Amino acid sequence: MKCPFCSYEESKVIDSRPTDEGEKIRRRRECISCGKRFTTYEIIESVPIIVVKKDKSRQAFDRVKLFNGMLRACEKRPVSIEQIDKVVSDIESELQNSLDREVTSVRIGELVMDKLKELDEVAYVRFASVYRQFKDINTFMDELHKLLGEK
């Protein structure tokens, strides 16, 4: 790390501690040449996740878009904002931890439905009806029968 005072390229770390819920590390350093101290911050470099949509177009993963979709499905249901936020964080973490930099919208939709099924069945059916584009009442009933069969 280059010293901001004398530009010497070596320093020693005196103190290290996490900040921002563990997202960054704050380091106090001391220049080996001039002895002055300075602070640096280290963050994890994240590679963006690219979503491949059904029409083969690509766009960056949007956490807010996922959150809003789940929020609509959970409207007027006993599901807190914190629960939705946790599910979105879990899905985002799962995608970040996979080795794939491109993920299909179908995979994201399936992850959302799996999580919603555990969280609230009505929200799950609402999301599934939009996501799977139910054409008629029979398709809707088939999904309900599958849900009841799993119980």
C-alpha atoms as a PDB file:
ATOM      1  CA  MET A   1       0.000   0.000   0.000  1.00  0.00           C
ATOM      2  CA  LYS A   2       1.486   3.318  -1.080  1.00  0.00           C
ATOM      3  CA  CYS A   3       1.919   5.929   1.687  1.00  0.00           C
ATOM      4  CA  PRO A   4      -0.186   9.059   0.968  1.00  0.00           C
ATOM      5  CA  PHE A   5       2.510  11.252   2.604  1.00  0.00           C
ATOM      6  CA  CYS A   6       5.834  10.069   1.143  1.00  0.00           C
ATOM      7  CA  SER A   7       4.684   7.595  -1.564  1.00  0.00           C
ATOM      8  CA  TYR A   8       6.806   4.790  -0.114  1.00  0.00           C
ATOM      9  CA  GLU A   9       5.284   1.490  -1.201  1.00  0.00           C
ATOM     10  CA  GLU A  10       5.536  -0.516   2.011  1.00  0.00           C
ATOM     11  CA  SER A  11       3.535  -0.158   5.207  1.00  0.00           C
ATOM     12  CA  LYS A  12       2.602  -2.358   8.109  1.00  0.00           C
ATOM     13  CA  VAL A  13      -0.899  -2.989   9.407  1.00  0.00           C
ATOM     14  CA  ILE A  14      -1.363  -1.801  13.003  1.00  0.00           C
ATOM     15  CA  ASP A  15      -5.072  -2.470  13.478  1.00  0.00           C
ATOM     16  CA  SER A  16      -7.803  -4.244  11.474  1.00  0.00           C
ATOM     17  CA  ARG A  17     -11.513  -4.290  12.162  1.00  0.00           C
ATOM     18  CA  PRO A  18     -14.705  -4.972  10.195  1.00  0.00           C
ATOM     19  CA  THR A  19     -17.171  -2.182   9.378  1.00  0.00           C
ATOM     20  CA  ASP A  20     -20.603  -1.976   7.748  1.00  0.00           C
ATOM     21  CA  GLU A  21     -21.885  -5.361   8.903  1.00  0.00           C
ATOM     22  CA  GLY A  22     -18.696  -7.072   7.767  1.00  0.00           C
ATOM     23  CA  GLU A  23     -18.858  -5.690   4.218  1.00  0.00           C
ATOM     24  CA  LYS A  24     -15.605  -3.727   4.592  1.00  0.00           C
ATOM     25  CA  ILE A  25     -12.416  -3.996   6.612  1.00  0.00           C
ATOM     26  CA  ARG A  26     -10.862  -0.847   8.074  1.00  0.00           C
ATOM     27  CA  ARG A  27      -7.078  -1.023   8.412  1.00  0.00           C
ATOM     28  CA  ARG A  28      -4.776   1.399  10.250  1.00  0.00           C
ATOM     29  CA  ARG A  29      -1.380   1.368   8.613  1.00  0.00           C
ATOM     30  CA  GLU A  30       2.004   2.847   9.410  1.00  0.00           C
ATOM     31  CA  CYS A  31       4.499   3.769   6.708  1.00  0.00           C
ATOM     32  CA  ILE A  32       7.819   1.974   7.144  1.00  0.00           C
ATOM     33  CA  SER A  33       9.734   4.932   5.696  1.00  0.00           C
ATOM     34  CA  CYS A  34       8.241   8.091   7.295  1.00  0.00           C
ATOM     35  CA  GLY A  35       6.378   6.511  10.221  1.00  0.00           C
ATOM     36  CA  LYS A  36       3.109   8.371   9.548  1.00  0.00           C
ATOM     37  CA  ARG A  37      -0.181   6.545   9.973  1.00  0.00           C
ATOM     38  CA  PHE A  38      -3.116   6.346   7.583  1.00  0.00           C
ATOM     39  CA  THR A  39      -6.363   4.406   7.150  1.00  0.00           C
ATOM     40  CA  THR A  40      -7.378   2.156   4.273  1.00  0.00           C
ATOM     41  CA  TYR A  41     -10.591   0.271   3.563  1.00  0.00           C
ATOM     42  CA  GLU A  42     -10.824  -3.110   1.910  1.00  0.00           C
ATOM     43  CA  ILE A  43     -14.013  -4.300   0.229  1.00  0.00           C
ATOM     44  CA  ILE A  44     -14.916  -7.555  -1.456  1.00  0.00           C
ATOM     45  CA  GLU A  45     -14.988  -7.160  -5.195  1.00  0.00           C
ATOM     46  CA  SER A  46     -18.203  -8.614  -6.484  1.00  0.00           C
ATOM     47  CA  VAL A  47     -18.685  -9.718 -10.045  1.00  0.00           C
ATOM     48  CA  PRO A  48     -22.070  -8.623 -11.367  1.00  0.00           C
ATOM     49  CA  ILE A  49     -24.671 -11.295 -12.006  1.00  0.00           C
ATOM     50  CA  ILE A  50     -26.159 -11.183 -15.486  1.00  0.00           C
ATOM     51  CA  VAL A  51     -29.746 -12.392 -15.922  1.00  0.00           C
ATOM     52  CA  VAL A  52     -30.575 -14.104 -19.205  1.00  0.00           C
ATOM     53  CA  LYS A  53     -34.239 -13.484 -19.881  1.00  0.00           C
ATOM     54  CA  LYS A  54     -36.638 -15.737 -21.788  1.00  0.00           C
ATOM     55  CA  ASP A  55     -36.157 -13.683 -24.971  1.00  0.00           C
ATOM     56  CA  LYS A  56     -32.357 -14.250 -24.629  1.00  0.00           C
ATOM     57  CA  SER A  57     -31.701 -10.594 -23.762  1.00  0.00           C
ATOM     58  CA  ARG A  58     -29.347  -9.925 -20.878  1.00  0.00           C
ATOM     59  CA  GLN A  59     -29.472  -7.441 -18.036  1.00  0.00           C
ATOM     60  CA  ALA A  60     -27.776  -6.938 -14.691  1.00  0.00           C
ATOM     61  CA  PHE A  61     -29.371  -8.616 -11.667  1.00  0.00           C
ATOM     62  CA  ASP A  62     -31.605  -6.110  -9.893  1.00  0.00           C
ATOM     63  CA  ARG A  63     -32.229  -6.797  -6.231  1.00  0.00           C
ATOM     64  CA  VAL A  64     -34.927  -4.096  -6.074  1.00  0.00           C
ATOM     65  CA  LYS A  65     -36.857  -5.687  -8.945  1.00  0.00           C
ATOM     66  CA  LEU A  66     -36.814  -9.054  -7.167  1.00  0.00           C
ATOM     67  CA  PHE A  67     -37.865  -7.435  -3.878  1.00  0.00           C
ATOM     68  CA  ASN A  68     -40.765  -5.578  -5.536  1.00  0.00           C
ATOM     69  CA  GLY A  69     -42.025  -8.736  -7.250  1.00  0.00           C
ATOM     70  CA  MET A  70     -42.047 -10.601  -3.962  1.00  0.00           C
ATOM     71  CA  LEU A  71     -43.639  -7.632  -2.193  1.00  0.00           C
ATOM     72  CA  ARG A  72     -46.547  -7.684  -4.671  1.00  0.00           C
ATOM     73  CA  ALA A  73     -47.026 -11.426  -4.126  1.00  0.00           C
ATOM     74  CA  CYS A  74     -47.008 -10.964  -0.340  1.00  0.00           C
ATOM     75  CA  GLU A  75     -49.378  -7.973  -0.342  1.00  0.00           C
ATOM     76  CA  LYS A  76     -51.976  -8.203   2.460  1.00  0.00           C
ATOM     77  CA  ARG A  77     -50.346 -11.383   3.763  1.00  0.00           C
ATOM     78  CA  PRO A  78     -48.738 -11.919   7.187  1.00  0.00           C
ATOM     79  CA  VAL A  79     -45.227 -11.604   5.753  1.00  0.00           C
ATOM     80  CA  SER A  80     -42.968  -8.846   7.080  1.00  0.00           C
ATOM     81  CA  ILE A  81     -40.674  -6.654   5.007  1.00  0.00           C
ATOM     82  CA  GLU A  82     -37.760  -8.164   6.960  1.00  0.00           C
ATOM     83  CA  GLN A  83     -38.768 -11.680   5.884  1.00  0.00           C
ATOM     84  CA  ILE A  84     -38.953 -10.625   2.235  1.00  0.00           C
ATOM     85  CA  ASP A  85     -35.611  -8.838   2.510  1.00  0.00           C
ATOM     86  CA  LYS A  86     -34.021 -11.935   4.039  1.00  0.00           C
ATOM     87  CA  VAL A  87     -35.335 -14.147   1.227  1.00  0.00           C
ATOM     88  CA  VAL A  88     -34.018 -11.683  -1.377  1.00  0.00           C
ATOM     89  CA  SER A  89     -30.633 -11.654   0.401  1.00  0.00           C
ATOM     90  CA  ASP A  90     -30.598 -15.462   0.517  1.00  0.00           C
ATOM     91  CA  ILE A  91     -31.340 -15.700  -3.203  1.00  0.00           C
ATOM     92  CA  GLU A  92     -28.745 -13.052  -4.041  1.00  0.00           C
ATOM     93  CA  SER A  93     -26.136 -14.857  -1.913  1.00  0.00           C
ATOM     94  CA  GLU A  94     -26.938 -18.178  -3.549  1.00  0.00           C
ATOM     95  CA  LEU A  95     -26.484 -16.617  -6.990  1.00  0.00           C
ATOM     96  CA  GLN A  96     -23.236 -14.857  -5.966  1.00  0.00           C
ATOM     97  CA  ASN A  97     -21.840 -18.064  -4.468  1.00  0.00           C
ATOM     98  CA  SER A  98     -22.550 -20.109  -7.578  1.00  0.00           C
ATOM     99  CA  LEU A  99     -19.770 -20.187 -10.124  1.00  0.00           C
ATOM    100  CA  ASP A 100     -22.120 -18.994 -12.863  1.00  0.00           C
ATOM    101  CA  ARG A 101     -21.892 -15.313 -13.797  1.00  0.00           C
ATOM    102  CA  GLU A 102     -24.957 -15.658 -15.991  1.00  0.00           C
ATOM    103  CA  VAL A 103     -28.181 -17.046 -14.593  1.00  0.00           C
ATOM    104  CA  THR A 104     -31.510 -17.531 -16.319  1.00  0.00           C
ATOM    105  CA  SER A 105     -34.628 -15.711 -15.194  1.00  0.00           C
ATOM    106  CA  VAL A 106     -36.221 -19.167 -14.988  1.00  0.00           C
ATOM    107  CA  ARG A 107     -33.726 -20.213 -12.298  1.00  0.00           C
ATOM    108  CA  ILE A 108     -34.374 -17.041 -10.312  1.00  0.00           C
ATOM    109  CA  GLY A 109     -38.139 -17.585 -10.602  1.00  0.00           C
ATOM    110  CA  GLU A 110     -37.806 -21.152  -9.342  1.00  0.00           C
ATOM    111  CA  LEU A 111     -35.686 -19.998  -6.384  1.00  0.00           C
ATOM    112  CA  VAL A 112     -38.319 -17.378  -5.511  1.00  0.00           C
ATOM    113  CA  MET A 113     -41.124 -19.920  -5.706  1.00  0.00           C
ATOM    114  CA  ASP A 114     -39.235 -22.397  -3.510  1.00  0.00           C
ATOM    115  CA  LYS A 115     -38.693 -19.715  -0.863  1.00  0.00           C
ATOM    116  CA  LEU A 116     -42.273 -18.390  -1.087  1.00  0.00           C
ATOM    117  CA  LYS A 117     -43.698 -21.891  -0.732  1.00  0.00           C
ATOM    118  CA  GLU A 118     -42.004 -22.103   2.687  1.00  0.00           C
ATOM    119  CA  LEU A 119     -42.915 -18.540   3.652  1.00  0.00           C
ATOM    120  CA  ASP A 120     -46.567 -18.201   2.610  1.00  0.00           C
ATOM    121  CA  GLU A 121     -48.564 -20.498   0.331  1.00  0.00           C
ATOM    122  CA  VAL A 122     -50.958 -17.793  -0.869  1.00  0.00           C
ATOM    123  CA  ALA A 123     -48.023 -15.566  -1.853  1.00  0.00           C
ATOM    124  CA  TYR A 124     -46.501 -18.592  -3.593  1.00  0.00           C
ATOM    125  CA  VAL A 125     -49.659 -19.188  -5.676  1.00  0.00           C
ATOM    126  CA  ARG A 126     -49.892 -15.483  -6.524  1.00  0.00           C
ATOM    127  CA  PHE A 127     -46.280 -15.397  -7.697  1.00  0.00           C
ATOM    128  CA  ALA A 128     -46.629 -18.688  -9.579  1.00  0.00           C
ATOM    129  CA  SER A 129     -49.761 -17.475 -11.382  1.00  0.00           C
ATOM    130  CA  VAL A 130     -47.865 -14.507 -12.821  1.00  0.00           C
ATOM    131  CA  TYR A 131     -44.519 -16.254 -13.282  1.00  0.00           C
ATOM    132  CA  ARG A 132     -45.915 -19.354 -14.960  1.00  0.00           C
ATOM    133  CA  GLN A 133     -48.514 -17.297 -16.841  1.00  0.00           C
ATOM    134  CA  PHE A 134     -51.520 -19.416 -15.981  1.00  0.00           C
ATOM    135  CA  LYS A 135     -53.762 -19.417 -19.051  1.00  0.00           C
ATOM    136  CA  ASP A 136     -56.962 -20.630 -17.417  1.00  0.00           C
ATOM    137  CA  ILE A 137     -58.530 -21.896 -14.205  1.00  0.00           C
ATOM    138  CA  ASN A 138     -57.412 -25.493 -14.925  1.00  0.00           C
ATOM    139  CA  THR A 139     -53.737 -24.523 -14.923  1.00  0.00           C
ATOM    140  CA  PHE A 140     -54.335 -22.670 -11.671  1.00  0.00           C
ATOM    141  CA  MET A 141     -56.083 -25.695 -10.157  1.00  0.00           C
ATOM    142  CA  ASP A 142     -53.274 -28.005 -11.268  1.00  0.00           C
ATOM    143  CA  GLU A 143     -50.792 -25.861  -9.314  1.00  0.00           C
ATOM    144  CA  LEU A 144     -53.063 -25.902  -6.256  1.00  0.00           C
ATOM    145  CA  HIS A 145     -53.384 -29.697  -6.466  1.00  0.00           C
ATOM    146  CA  LYS A 146     -49.589 -30.018  -6.639  1.00  0.00           C
ATOM    147  CA  LEU A 147     -49.282 -27.794  -3.578  1.00  0.00           C
ATOM    148  CA  LEU A 148     -51.875 -29.830  -1.672  1.00  0.00           C
ATOM    149  CA  GLY A 149     -50.224 -33.083  -2.746  1.00  0.00           C
ATOM    150  CA  GLU A 150     -46.927 -31.973  -1.222  1.00  0.00           C
ATOM    151  CA  LYS A 151     -48.520 -31.544   2.180  1.00  0.00           C
END
